[in-house]
């Protein structure tokens, strides 16, 4: 049976760099959906797609589709943001989660599709750009919400300390060997 691990945390903490390094080491990976969706919408002329009312649902649909594609993988899988990550964005913006998100939360609570969640700790800064709009304070708040959300659904959450990509990948590999 394959083991699936979520890498989560605030924006700009190095999740994508870690995912790339894990992929180069032969692991199956699922890349973050939000950044790709934002870039696609911006290419279509929508400058701030995160303001669209169905933005989080679109991210959730894309994320679920990506996770579905790896369902038959025999390899260990690392996911750059799981389907639950969008909940923190609802929370930080003071919005009620959509029906789709609520349904997904119930599924995640029931099926425990992730082996564990790894919180990638902040590097102490967060650069904003056309895709990443959160500042460091918002990124840290999102990290706390994500950690609590995974814990609330019964997932084991392990914090990955800041460091180089190689140090963090080494930490992840030790954790999955020691506890599996």
C-alpha atoms as a PDB file:
ATOM      1  CA  UNK A   1       0.000   0.000   0.000  1.00  0.00           C
ATOM      2  CA  UNK A   2       1.361   3.399  -0.912  1.00  0.00           C
ATOM      3  CA  UNK A   3       2.089   5.999   1.736  1.00  0.00           C
ATOM      4  CA  UNK A   4       1.075   9.592   1.021  1.00  0.00           C
ATOM      5  CA  UNK A   5       2.525  12.556   2.876  1.00  0.00           C
ATOM      6  CA  UNK A   6       1.403  16.174   2.751  1.00  0.00           C
ATOM      7  CA  UNK A   7       3.856  19.056   2.846  1.00  0.00           C
ATOM      8  CA  UNK A   8       2.043  22.105   4.138  1.00  0.00           C
ATOM      9  CA  UNK A   9       2.816  25.464   5.676  1.00  0.00           C
ATOM     10  CA  UNK A  10       2.583  29.101   4.761  1.00  0.00           C
ATOM     11  CA  UNK A  11       3.471  30.451   1.355  1.00  0.00           C
ATOM     12  CA  UNK A  12       7.135  30.957   0.546  1.00  0.00           C
ATOM     13  CA  UNK A  13       8.575  28.410   2.980  1.00  0.00           C
ATOM     14  CA  UNK A  14      10.207  26.211   0.343  1.00  0.00           C
ATOM     15  CA  UNK A  15       7.609  23.483  -0.227  1.00  0.00           C
ATOM     16  CA  UNK A  16       7.966  23.577  -4.007  1.00  0.00           C
ATOM     17  CA  UNK A  17      11.769  23.396  -3.805  1.00  0.00           C
ATOM     18  CA  UNK A  18      11.500  20.408  -1.474  1.00  0.00           C
ATOM     19  CA  UNK A  19       8.976  18.714  -3.787  1.00  0.00           C
ATOM     20  CA  UNK A  20      11.351  19.177  -6.732  1.00  0.00           C
ATOM     21  CA  UNK A  21      14.241  17.663  -4.742  1.00  0.00           C
ATOM     22  CA  UNK A  22      12.069  14.711  -3.666  1.00  0.00           C
ATOM     23  CA  UNK A  23      11.006  14.130  -7.261  1.00  0.00           C
ATOM     24  CA  UNK A  24      14.652  14.136  -8.353  1.00  0.00           C
ATOM     25  CA  UNK A  25      15.297  11.438  -5.737  1.00  0.00           C
ATOM     26  CA  UNK A  26      12.644   9.230  -7.340  1.00  0.00           C
ATOM     27  CA  UNK A  27       9.597   9.866  -5.152  1.00  0.00           C
ATOM     28  CA  UNK A  28       6.189  10.406  -6.698  1.00  0.00           C
ATOM     29  CA  UNK A  29       5.085  13.991  -6.147  1.00  0.00           C
ATOM     30  CA  UNK A  30       1.996  16.127  -6.610  1.00  0.00           C
ATOM     31  CA  UNK A  31       2.715  19.778  -7.266  1.00  0.00           C
ATOM     32  CA  UNK A  32       0.752  22.633  -5.727  1.00  0.00           C
ATOM     33  CA  UNK A  33      -2.473  23.425  -7.581  1.00  0.00           C
ATOM     34  CA  UNK A  34      -3.013  27.026  -6.465  1.00  0.00           C
ATOM     35  CA  UNK A  35       0.021  28.570  -8.124  1.00  0.00           C
ATOM     36  CA  UNK A  36      -0.734  26.848 -11.437  1.00  0.00           C
ATOM     37  CA  UNK A  37      -4.396  27.899 -11.297  1.00  0.00           C
ATOM     38  CA  UNK A  38      -3.470  31.513 -10.531  1.00  0.00           C
ATOM     39  CA  UNK A  39      -0.967  31.646 -13.393  1.00  0.00           C
ATOM     40  CA  UNK A  40      -3.504  30.141 -15.818  1.00  0.00           C
ATOM     41  CA  UNK A  41      -6.171  32.653 -14.837  1.00  0.00           C
ATOM     42  CA  UNK A  42      -3.717  35.544 -15.052  1.00  0.00           C
ATOM     43  CA  UNK A  43      -2.728  34.381 -18.541  1.00  0.00           C
ATOM     44  CA  UNK A  44      -6.442  34.652 -19.401  1.00  0.00           C
ATOM     45  CA  UNK A  45      -6.431  38.282 -18.187  1.00  0.00           C
ATOM     46  CA  UNK A  46      -7.788  37.797 -14.656  1.00  0.00           C
ATOM     47  CA  UNK A  47      -5.211  39.733 -12.615  1.00  0.00           C
ATOM     48  CA  UNK A  48      -6.458  38.694  -9.156  1.00  0.00           C
ATOM     49  CA  UNK A  49      -8.149  35.310  -9.536  1.00  0.00           C
ATOM     50  CA  UNK A  50      -8.185  34.847  -5.749  1.00  0.00           C
ATOM     51  CA  UNK A  51     -10.993  37.435  -5.665  1.00  0.00           C
ATOM     52  CA  UNK A  52     -13.268  35.203  -7.760  1.00  0.00           C
ATOM     53  CA  UNK A  53     -16.076  33.725  -5.610  1.00  0.00           C
ATOM     54  CA  UNK A  54     -15.278  30.119  -6.584  1.00  0.00           C
ATOM     55  CA  UNK A  55     -11.486  30.460  -6.357  1.00  0.00           C
ATOM     56  CA  UNK A  56     -10.947  27.965  -3.498  1.00  0.00           C
ATOM     57  CA  UNK A  57     -13.316  25.452  -5.113  1.00  0.00           C
ATOM     58  CA  UNK A  58     -11.364  25.650  -8.379  1.00  0.00           C
ATOM     59  CA  UNK A  59      -8.120  25.007  -6.485  1.00  0.00           C
ATOM     60  CA  UNK A  60      -9.752  22.110  -4.633  1.00  0.00           C
ATOM     61  CA  UNK A  61     -10.985  20.541  -7.900  1.00  0.00           C
ATOM     62  CA  UNK A  62      -7.530  20.773  -9.454  1.00  0.00           C
ATOM     63  CA  UNK A  63      -5.849  19.407  -6.317  1.00  0.00           C
ATOM     64  CA  UNK A  64      -8.265  16.468  -6.128  1.00  0.00           C
ATOM     65  CA  UNK A  65      -7.675  15.683  -9.819  1.00  0.00           C
ATOM     66  CA  UNK A  66      -3.917  15.688  -9.273  1.00  0.00           C
ATOM     67  CA  UNK A  67      -4.190  13.437  -6.237  1.00  0.00           C
ATOM     68  CA  UNK A  68      -6.497  11.088  -8.156  1.00  0.00           C
ATOM     69  CA  UNK A  69      -3.862  10.633 -10.866  1.00  0.00           C
ATOM     70  CA  UNK A  70      -1.401   9.134  -8.350  1.00  0.00           C
ATOM     71  CA  UNK A  71      -3.922   6.789  -6.740  1.00  0.00           C
ATOM     72  CA  UNK A  72      -2.254   3.686  -8.200  1.00  0.00           C
ATOM     73  CA  UNK A  73       1.306   4.696  -7.390  1.00  0.00           C
ATOM     74  CA  UNK A  74       3.236   2.020  -5.518  1.00  0.00           C
ATOM     75  CA  UNK A  75       5.858   4.600  -4.542  1.00  0.00           C
ATOM     76  CA  UNK A  76       5.847   6.906  -1.533  1.00  0.00           C
ATOM     77  CA  UNK A  77       4.035  10.107  -2.523  1.00  0.00           C
ATOM     78  CA  UNK A  78       4.671  13.664  -1.368  1.00  0.00           C
ATOM     79  CA  UNK A  79       1.987  16.272  -1.983  1.00  0.00           C
ATOM     80  CA  UNK A  80       2.682  20.012  -2.082  1.00  0.00           C
ATOM     81  CA  UNK A  81      -0.397  21.143  -0.148  1.00  0.00           C
ATOM     82  CA  UNK A  82      -3.196  18.667   0.443  1.00  0.00           C
ATOM     83  CA  UNK A  83      -6.873  19.188  -0.223  1.00  0.00           C
ATOM     84  CA  UNK A  84      -7.380  20.452   3.340  1.00  0.00           C
ATOM     85  CA  UNK A  85      -4.991  23.396   2.904  1.00  0.00           C
ATOM     86  CA  UNK A  86      -7.658  25.589   1.343  1.00  0.00           C
ATOM     87  CA  UNK A  87      -9.594  25.583   4.617  1.00  0.00           C
ATOM     88  CA  UNK A  88      -6.973  27.864   6.211  1.00  0.00           C
ATOM     89  CA  UNK A  89      -7.576  30.430   3.466  1.00  0.00           C
ATOM     90  CA  UNK A  90     -11.283  30.449   4.233  1.00  0.00           C
ATOM     91  CA  UNK A  91     -10.460  30.888   7.915  1.00  0.00           C
ATOM     92  CA  UNK A  92      -7.893  33.657   7.522  1.00  0.00           C
ATOM     93  CA  UNK A  93     -10.348  35.583   5.338  1.00  0.00           C
ATOM     94  CA  UNK A  94     -13.216  35.056   7.792  1.00  0.00           C
ATOM     95  CA  UNK A  95     -15.318  33.158   5.255  1.00  0.00           C
ATOM     96  CA  UNK A  96     -17.499  30.109   5.629  1.00  0.00           C
ATOM     97  CA  UNK A  97     -16.039  27.123   3.747  1.00  0.00           C
ATOM     98  CA  UNK A  98     -17.915  26.157   0.602  1.00  0.00           C
ATOM     99  CA  UNK A  99     -20.115  23.085   0.432  1.00  0.00           C
ATOM    100  CA  UNK A 100     -17.391  21.384  -1.624  1.00  0.00           C
ATOM    101  CA  UNK A 101     -14.761  22.112   1.041  1.00  0.00           C
ATOM    102  CA  UNK A 102     -17.043  20.900   3.833  1.00  0.00           C
ATOM    103  CA  UNK A 103     -17.649  17.658   1.936  1.00  0.00           C
ATOM    104  CA  UNK A 104     -13.916  17.216   1.410  1.00  0.00           C
ATOM    105  CA  UNK A 105     -13.224  17.773   5.115  1.00  0.00           C
ATOM    106  CA  UNK A 106     -15.677  14.990   6.000  1.00  0.00           C
ATOM    107  CA  UNK A 107     -13.990  12.660   3.483  1.00  0.00           C
ATOM    108  CA  UNK A 108     -10.534  13.443   4.857  1.00  0.00           C
ATOM    109  CA  UNK A 109     -11.689  12.802   8.390  1.00  0.00           C
ATOM    110  CA  UNK A 110     -13.160   9.454   7.379  1.00  0.00           C
ATOM    111  CA  UNK A 111     -10.641   8.016   4.926  1.00  0.00           C
ATOM    112  CA  UNK A 112      -7.349   9.320   6.370  1.00  0.00           C
ATOM    113  CA  UNK A 113      -5.820   9.348   2.898  1.00  0.00           C
ATOM    114  CA  UNK A 114      -2.632  11.003   4.119  1.00  0.00           C
ATOM    115  CA  UNK A 115      -0.148   9.099   6.247  1.00  0.00           C
ATOM    116  CA  UNK A 116       0.911  12.303   8.000  1.00  0.00           C
ATOM    117  CA  UNK A 117       1.277  16.013   7.412  1.00  0.00           C
ATOM    118  CA  UNK A 118       4.622  17.785   7.507  1.00  0.00           C
ATOM    119  CA  UNK A 119       4.557  21.483   8.381  1.00  0.00           C
ATOM    120  CA  UNK A 120       7.419  23.164   6.560  1.00  0.00           C
ATOM    121  CA  UNK A 121       8.476  25.924   8.935  1.00  0.00           C
ATOM    122  CA  UNK A 122       9.035  29.473   7.779  1.00  0.00           C
ATOM    123  CA  UNK A 123      12.452  30.630   6.643  1.00  0.00           C
ATOM    124  CA  UNK A 124      11.781  33.970   8.356  1.00  0.00           C
ATOM    125  CA  UNK A 125      10.775  35.894   5.252  1.00  0.00           C
ATOM    126  CA  UNK A 126       8.116  35.781   2.569  1.00  0.00           C
ATOM    127  CA  UNK A 127       8.492  37.511  -0.772  1.00  0.00           C
ATOM    128  CA  UNK A 128       5.328  38.636  -2.503  1.00  0.00           C
ATOM    129  CA  UNK A 129       4.857  38.522  -6.267  1.00  0.00           C
ATOM    130  CA  UNK A 130       2.030  38.298  -8.824  1.00  0.00           C
ATOM    131  CA  UNK A 131       1.091  34.854  -7.527  1.00  0.00           C
ATOM    132  CA  UNK A 132       2.099  34.974  -3.857  1.00  0.00           C
ATOM    133  CA  UNK A 133       0.406  37.925  -2.182  1.00  0.00           C
ATOM    134  CA  UNK A 134       0.723  37.043   1.522  1.00  0.00           C
ATOM    135  CA  UNK A 135       3.239  38.795   3.747  1.00  0.00           C
ATOM    136  CA  UNK A 136       5.237  37.035   6.478  1.00  0.00           C
ATOM    137  CA  UNK A 137       2.639  37.696   9.185  1.00  0.00           C
ATOM    138  CA  UNK A 138      -0.145  36.200   7.051  1.00  0.00           C
ATOM    139  CA  UNK A 139       2.075  33.266   6.075  1.00  0.00           C
ATOM    140  CA  UNK A 140       2.730  32.456   9.740  1.00  0.00           C
ATOM    141  CA  UNK A 141      -0.990  32.671  10.543  1.00  0.00           C
ATOM    142  CA  UNK A 142      -1.756  30.305   7.670  1.00  0.00           C
ATOM    143  CA  UNK A 143       0.900  27.882   8.938  1.00  0.00           C
ATOM    144  CA  UNK A 144      -0.738  27.771  12.380  1.00  0.00           C
ATOM    145  CA  UNK A 145      -4.202  27.285  10.900  1.00  0.00           C
ATOM    146  CA  UNK A 146      -3.008  24.496   8.612  1.00  0.00           C
ATOM    147  CA  UNK A 147      -1.290  22.706  11.469  1.00  0.00           C
ATOM    148  CA  UNK A 148      -4.399  22.931  13.634  1.00  0.00           C
ATOM    149  CA  UNK A 149      -6.708  21.831  10.812  1.00  0.00           C
ATOM    150  CA  UNK A 150      -4.717  18.656  10.145  1.00  0.00           C
ATOM    151  CA  UNK A 151      -4.509  17.892  13.868  1.00  0.00           C
ATOM    152  CA  UNK A 152      -8.254  18.478  14.253  1.00  0.00           C
ATOM    153  CA  UNK A 153      -8.897  15.751  11.678  1.00  0.00           C
ATOM    154  CA  UNK A 154      -6.645  13.328  13.531  1.00  0.00           C
ATOM    155  CA  UNK A 155      -3.560  13.526  11.334  1.00  0.00           C
ATOM    156  CA  UNK A 156      -0.097  13.232  12.802  1.00  0.00           C
ATOM    157  CA  UNK A 157       1.651  16.548  12.183  1.00  0.00           C
ATOM    158  CA  UNK A 158       5.424  16.831  12.171  1.00  0.00           C
ATOM    159  CA  UNK A 159       7.228  20.167  11.982  1.00  0.00           C
ATOM    160  CA  UNK A 160      10.138  20.356   9.533  1.00  0.00           C
ATOM    161  CA  UNK A 161      12.633  22.945  10.801  1.00  0.00           C
ATOM    162  CA  UNK A 162      14.041  25.641   8.558  1.00  0.00           C
ATOM    163  CA  UNK A 163      17.263  24.785   6.791  1.00  0.00           C
ATOM    164  CA  UNK A 164      18.576  24.063   3.341  1.00  0.00           C
ATOM    165  CA  UNK A 165      16.509  22.039   0.901  1.00  0.00           C
ATOM    166  CA  UNK A 166      18.916  19.125   1.367  1.00  0.00           C
ATOM    167  CA  UNK A 167      18.602  19.285   5.167  1.00  0.00           C
ATOM    168  CA  UNK A 168      14.830  19.338   4.965  1.00  0.00           C
ATOM    169  CA  UNK A 169      14.681  16.452   2.482  1.00  0.00           C
ATOM    170  CA  UNK A 170      16.997  14.482   4.768  1.00  0.00           C
ATOM    171  CA  UNK A 171      14.709  15.216   7.711  1.00  0.00           C
ATOM    172  CA  UNK A 172      11.668  14.009   5.741  1.00  0.00           C
ATOM    173  CA  UNK A 173      13.414  10.818   4.648  1.00  0.00           C
ATOM    174  CA  UNK A 174      14.492  10.034   8.211  1.00  0.00           C
ATOM    175  CA  UNK A 175      10.950  10.612   9.477  1.00  0.00           C
ATOM    176  CA  UNK A 176       9.309   8.343   6.940  1.00  0.00           C
ATOM    177  CA  UNK A 177      11.893   5.599   7.545  1.00  0.00           C
ATOM    178  CA  UNK A 178      11.747   5.819  11.332  1.00  0.00           C
ATOM    179  CA  UNK A 179       8.000   5.894  11.737  1.00  0.00           C
ATOM    180  CA  UNK A 180       6.820   3.565   8.979  1.00  0.00           C
END
